[in-house]
Amino acid sequence: MNEVEAIEVGRDAIFVMLQTAGPVMAMALVVGLAISLFQALTSIQEMTLTFVPKILVIFASVMVLLPYMLSKLTEFTVLIFDRVIALG
């Protein structure tokens, strides 16, 4: 494996990471933004108000998106194994 192939594998790994974690992080961002806006409008500064809804949304989104995330990771793993076999 030369430098170009190593960089390509790293680039693919980062892209797969963004595809799998991106939707969950986006949902957490939207919920956090909505809670922050609610806190600013109502002057409620309760610290636990931000954590509990975000944890619930992240847990629910991981449960819903788990098949998609596993399929992306499986495709990437097969791609890596194919590259390893091609080297040998």
N, C-alpha and C. Protein backbone atom coordinates (compact mmCIF):
# COMPACT_ATOMS: atom_id res chain seq x y z
N MET A 1 0.86 -1.18 0.00
CA MET A 1 0.00 0.00 0.00
C MET A 1 0.90 1.23 0.00
N ASN A 2 0.67 2.09 -0.95
CA ASN A 2 1.46 3.32 -1.02
C ASN A 2 0.74 4.46 -0.31
N GLU A 3 1.35 5.63 -0.38
CA GLU A 3 0.80 6.78 0.36
C GLU A 3 -0.57 7.20 -0.15
N VAL A 4 -0.78 7.12 -1.45
CA VAL A 4 -2.05 7.54 -2.03
C VAL A 4 -3.18 6.63 -1.56
N GLU A 5 -2.93 5.33 -1.52
CA GLU A 5 -3.95 4.40 -1.05
C GLU A 5 -4.23 4.59 0.43
N ALA A 6 -3.20 4.87 1.22
CA ALA A 6 -3.39 5.11 2.65
C ALA A 6 -4.22 6.37 2.88
N ILE A 7 -3.95 7.41 2.13
CA ILE A 7 -4.74 8.64 2.25
C ILE A 7 -6.18 8.40 1.81
N GLU A 8 -6.37 7.59 0.78
CA GLU A 8 -7.72 7.28 0.32
C GLU A 8 -8.50 6.50 1.37
N VAL A 9 -7.85 5.55 2.03
CA VAL A 9 -8.51 4.79 3.11
C VAL A 9 -8.87 5.73 4.25
N GLY A 10 -7.96 6.62 4.61
CA GLY A 10 -8.26 7.59 5.67
C GLY A 10 -9.40 8.52 5.31
N ARG A 11 -9.41 8.96 4.06
CA ARG A 11 -10.50 9.83 3.60
C ARG A 11 -11.83 9.09 3.63
N ASP A 12 -11.83 7.84 3.18
CA ASP A 12 -13.05 7.04 3.21
C ASP A 12 -13.52 6.81 4.64
N ALA A 13 -12.58 6.59 5.55
CA ALA A 13 -12.94 6.36 6.96
C ALA A 13 -13.59 7.61 7.57
N ILE A 14 -13.03 8.77 7.26
CA ILE A 14 -13.61 10.02 7.77
C ILE A 14 -15.00 10.24 7.17
N PHE A 15 -15.17 9.94 5.89
CA PHE A 15 -16.47 10.12 5.25
C PHE A 15 -17.51 9.18 5.86
N VAL A 16 -17.14 7.93 6.12
CA VAL A 16 -18.07 6.98 6.74
C VAL A 16 -18.41 7.43 8.16
N MET A 17 -17.41 7.95 8.88
CA MET A 17 -17.67 8.44 10.23
C MET A 17 -18.67 9.60 10.20
N LEU A 18 -18.51 10.50 9.24
CA LEU A 18 -19.46 11.61 9.13
C LEU A 18 -20.84 11.13 8.74
N GLN A 19 -20.92 10.11 7.89
CA GLN A 19 -22.22 9.58 7.49
C GLN A 19 -22.93 8.88 8.64
N THR A 20 -22.17 8.21 9.50
CA THR A 20 -22.83 7.48 10.58
C THR A 20 -23.13 8.37 11.78
N ALA A 21 -22.22 9.25 12.14
CA ALA A 21 -22.42 10.08 13.33
C ALA A 21 -23.12 11.40 13.02
N GLY A 22 -23.08 11.83 11.78
CA GLY A 22 -23.64 13.12 11.41
C GLY A 22 -25.11 13.30 11.72
N PRO A 23 -25.97 12.36 11.32
CA PRO A 23 -27.40 12.55 11.60
C PRO A 23 -27.71 12.62 13.10
N VAL A 24 -27.04 11.80 13.90
CA VAL A 24 -27.28 11.83 15.34
C VAL A 24 -26.82 13.16 15.93
N MET A 25 -25.66 13.62 15.51
CA MET A 25 -25.16 14.90 16.02
C MET A 25 -26.02 16.07 15.56
N ALA A 26 -26.54 15.98 14.35
CA ALA A 26 -27.42 17.04 13.84
C ALA A 26 -28.71 17.12 14.67
N MET A 27 -29.26 15.95 15.01
CA MET A 27 -30.47 15.95 15.85
C MET A 27 -30.18 16.52 17.23
N ALA A 28 -29.04 16.17 17.79
CA ALA A 28 -28.67 16.72 19.10
C ALA A 28 -28.47 18.23 19.01
N LEU A 29 -27.90 18.68 17.91
CA LEU A 29 -27.71 20.12 17.71
C LEU A 29 -29.04 20.85 17.63
N VAL A 30 -29.98 20.30 16.88
CA VAL A 30 -31.29 20.94 16.73
C VAL A 30 -32.02 20.99 18.08
N VAL A 31 -31.99 19.89 18.82
CA VAL A 31 -32.65 19.86 20.12
C VAL A 31 -31.97 20.83 21.09
N GLY A 32 -30.65 20.86 21.09
CA GLY A 32 -29.93 21.79 21.95
C GLY A 32 -30.23 23.23 21.62
N LEU A 33 -30.32 23.52 20.34
CA LEU A 33 -30.65 24.89 19.92
C LEU A 33 -32.06 25.27 20.33
N ALA A 34 -33.00 24.34 20.17
CA ALA A 34 -34.38 24.62 20.56
C ALA A 34 -34.49 24.83 22.08
N ILE A 35 -33.78 24.02 22.84
CA ILE A 35 -33.81 24.18 24.30
C ILE A 35 -33.15 25.49 24.72
N SER A 36 -32.05 25.84 24.08
CA SER A 36 -31.39 27.11 24.39
C SER A 36 -32.30 28.29 24.08
N LEU A 37 -33.00 28.21 22.95
CA LEU A 37 -33.94 29.28 22.60
C LEU A 37 -35.07 29.35 23.62
N PHE A 38 -35.58 28.19 24.03
CA PHE A 38 -36.64 28.15 25.05
C PHE A 38 -36.14 28.75 26.37
N GLN A 39 -34.92 28.41 26.75
CA GLN A 39 -34.37 28.95 28.00
C GLN A 39 -34.16 30.45 27.91
N ALA A 40 -33.73 30.93 26.76
CA ALA A 40 -33.52 32.37 26.61
C ALA A 40 -34.83 33.13 26.64
N LEU A 41 -35.86 32.55 26.05
CA LEU A 41 -37.16 33.22 26.01
C LEU A 41 -37.87 33.21 27.36
N THR A 42 -37.68 32.15 28.14
CA THR A 42 -38.39 32.04 29.40
C THR A 42 -37.53 32.38 30.62
N SER A 43 -36.27 32.65 30.42
CA SER A 43 -35.31 32.96 31.49
C SER A 43 -35.16 31.82 32.49
N ILE A 44 -35.42 30.60 32.05
CA ILE A 44 -35.19 29.42 32.88
C ILE A 44 -33.76 28.98 32.63
N GLN A 45 -32.96 28.96 33.67
CA GLN A 45 -31.55 28.59 33.52
C GLN A 45 -31.25 27.29 34.27
N GLU A 46 -32.06 26.31 34.08
CA GLU A 46 -31.86 25.01 34.71
C GLU A 46 -30.87 24.19 33.89
N MET A 47 -29.80 23.72 34.53
CA MET A 47 -28.75 23.00 33.81
C MET A 47 -29.21 21.64 33.31
N THR A 48 -30.03 20.95 34.09
CA THR A 48 -30.46 19.61 33.69
C THR A 48 -31.48 19.64 32.55
N LEU A 49 -32.07 20.80 32.31
CA LEU A 49 -33.04 20.91 31.23
C LEU A 49 -32.41 20.65 29.87
N THR A 50 -31.14 20.93 29.71
CA THR A 50 -30.49 20.71 28.42
C THR A 50 -30.05 19.26 28.24
N PHE A 51 -29.69 18.58 29.31
CA PHE A 51 -29.10 17.25 29.17
C PHE A 51 -30.13 16.16 28.92
N VAL A 52 -31.20 16.15 29.66
CA VAL A 52 -32.17 15.06 29.58
C VAL A 52 -32.82 14.96 28.20
N PRO A 53 -33.34 16.04 27.62
CA PRO A 53 -33.92 15.90 26.28
C PRO A 53 -32.90 15.50 25.22
N LYS A 54 -31.67 16.03 25.33
CA LYS A 54 -30.65 15.66 24.35
C LYS A 54 -30.28 14.19 24.46
N ILE A 55 -30.18 13.69 25.67
CA ILE A 55 -29.87 12.27 25.85
C ILE A 55 -30.99 11.40 25.27
N LEU A 56 -32.23 11.79 25.52
CA LEU A 56 -33.36 11.02 25.00
C LEU A 56 -33.40 11.05 23.47
N VAL A 57 -33.15 12.22 22.88
CA VAL A 57 -33.17 12.33 21.43
C VAL A 57 -32.02 11.54 20.81
N ILE A 58 -30.85 11.61 21.41
CA ILE A 58 -29.71 10.86 20.89
C ILE A 58 -29.99 9.36 20.98
N PHE A 59 -30.52 8.90 22.10
CA PHE A 59 -30.83 7.49 22.25
C PHE A 59 -31.87 7.05 21.22
N ALA A 60 -32.92 7.83 21.04
CA ALA A 60 -33.97 7.48 20.08
C ALA A 60 -33.44 7.51 18.64
N SER A 61 -32.62 8.50 18.33
CA SER A 61 -32.10 8.57 16.96
C SER A 61 -31.12 7.44 16.67
N VAL A 62 -30.34 7.03 17.67
CA VAL A 62 -29.45 5.89 17.46
C VAL A 62 -30.27 4.63 17.23
N MET A 63 -31.35 4.45 17.97
CA MET A 63 -32.20 3.27 17.78
C MET A 63 -32.85 3.27 16.39
N VAL A 64 -33.27 4.43 15.93
CA VAL A 64 -33.93 4.51 14.63
C VAL A 64 -32.91 4.37 13.50
N LEU A 65 -31.75 4.99 13.65
CA LEU A 65 -30.76 5.00 12.58
C LEU A 65 -29.76 3.86 12.64
N LEU A 66 -29.90 2.95 13.60
CA LEU A 66 -28.94 1.87 13.75
C LEU A 66 -28.83 0.98 12.50
N PRO A 67 -29.91 0.60 11.83
CA PRO A 67 -29.73 -0.20 10.61
C PRO A 67 -28.93 0.54 9.53
N TYR A 68 -29.19 1.82 9.36
CA TYR A 68 -28.43 2.62 8.38
C TYR A 68 -26.96 2.68 8.77
N MET A 69 -26.69 2.93 10.04
CA MET A 69 -25.31 3.04 10.50
C MET A 69 -24.57 1.72 10.34
N LEU A 70 -25.22 0.62 10.67
CA LEU A 70 -24.58 -0.68 10.52
C LEU A 70 -24.33 -1.04 9.06
N SER A 71 -25.24 -0.67 8.17
CA SER A 71 -25.01 -0.96 6.75
C SER A 71 -23.83 -0.16 6.21
N LYS A 72 -23.70 1.10 6.62
CA LYS A 72 -22.56 1.91 6.18
C LYS A 72 -21.24 1.34 6.71
N LEU A 73 -21.23 0.95 7.99
CA LEU A 73 -20.02 0.38 8.56
C LEU A 73 -19.68 -0.97 7.94
N THR A 74 -20.70 -1.77 7.61
CA THR A 74 -20.46 -3.05 6.95
C THR A 74 -19.89 -2.85 5.56
N GLU A 75 -20.44 -1.90 4.81
CA GLU A 75 -19.90 -1.61 3.48
C GLU A 75 -18.44 -1.16 3.55
N PHE A 76 -18.12 -0.33 4.53
CA PHE A 76 -16.75 0.14 4.68
C PHE A 76 -15.82 -1.01 5.07
N THR A 77 -16.29 -1.87 5.96
CA THR A 77 -15.48 -3.01 6.38
C THR A 77 -15.20 -3.95 5.21
N VAL A 78 -16.22 -4.21 4.40
CA VAL A 78 -16.02 -5.06 3.22
C VAL A 78 -15.03 -4.41 2.26
N LEU A 79 -15.12 -3.10 2.09
CA LEU A 79 -14.18 -2.39 1.23
C LEU A 79 -12.75 -2.52 1.76
N ILE A 80 -12.56 -2.37 3.05
CA ILE A 80 -11.23 -2.50 3.64
C ILE A 80 -10.71 -3.93 3.49
N PHE A 81 -11.56 -4.93 3.73
CA PHE A 81 -11.13 -6.32 3.58
C PHE A 81 -10.78 -6.63 2.13
N ASP A 82 -11.54 -6.08 1.19
CA ASP A 82 -11.21 -6.28 -0.23
C ASP A 82 -9.86 -5.68 -0.58
N ARG A 83 -9.56 -4.53 0.00
CA ARG A 83 -8.24 -3.92 -0.25
C ARG A 83 -7.12 -4.73 0.36
N VAL A 84 -7.36 -5.29 1.54
CA VAL A 84 -6.34 -6.14 2.18
C VAL A 84 -6.10 -7.40 1.36
N ILE A 85 -7.17 -8.01 0.86
CA ILE A 85 -7.03 -9.21 0.04
C ILE A 85 -6.31 -8.89 -1.26
N ALA A 86 -6.59 -7.72 -1.84
CA ALA A 86 -5.93 -7.33 -3.09
C ALA A 86 -4.44 -7.12 -2.89
N LEU A 87 -4.03 -6.75 -1.69
CA LEU A 87 -2.60 -6.54 -1.43
C LEU A 87 -1.85 -7.87 -1.35
N GLY A 88 -2.52 -8.91 -0.90
CA GLY A 88 -1.85 -10.19 -0.65
C GLY A 88 -1.70 -11.06 -1.82
